[in-house]
């Protein structure tokens, strides 16, 4: 079975490095590209801030469930949470966000490294997935970033095509 704590640690660390490499390769013009226009428009840099806040939030969520909690409250407003957390990181530099994301991903990996196989089957409420296992929440930590990075790539590619003619 590939969903072992060891496998998930490997994926978290590998995908964390890929995320950092992705953002480090962006040029200054790309950082200001609007990726999501609904609500408060999010630029590329806002998504890195979102990754930082999501990493911290999901790690706390997993810790809550491991301690016997239920996870996110039923009435948790994910959009409001994301808007508030990203706005709170607006003044952070890209370098600050790189360092914070790396630190938080290492913390997440350390948490998962300490899990037993049966811990992955514990269930709680994830703000997006609903009631699910800790194992699925951990996988969503890196899949979430992959999805947003795909959206960034598509937006940057479409912008480059439209500018080139």
Foldseek 3Di string as FASTA:
>chain_A
DQLALVNLLVVLVVLLVVLLVLVVPDDPVQQQQFLDDPDPTDGNVLVLQLLLVVLVQLLVQLVCLVVPHQGDDPPDDVVVVSVVSSVVCVPPDPVNSSVSNNVSSVVSSVVSVPDGRVQQQGWHQDPPPGIGGNSVSSVCSSVVSVVVSVSSVVSVVVVVVVVVD
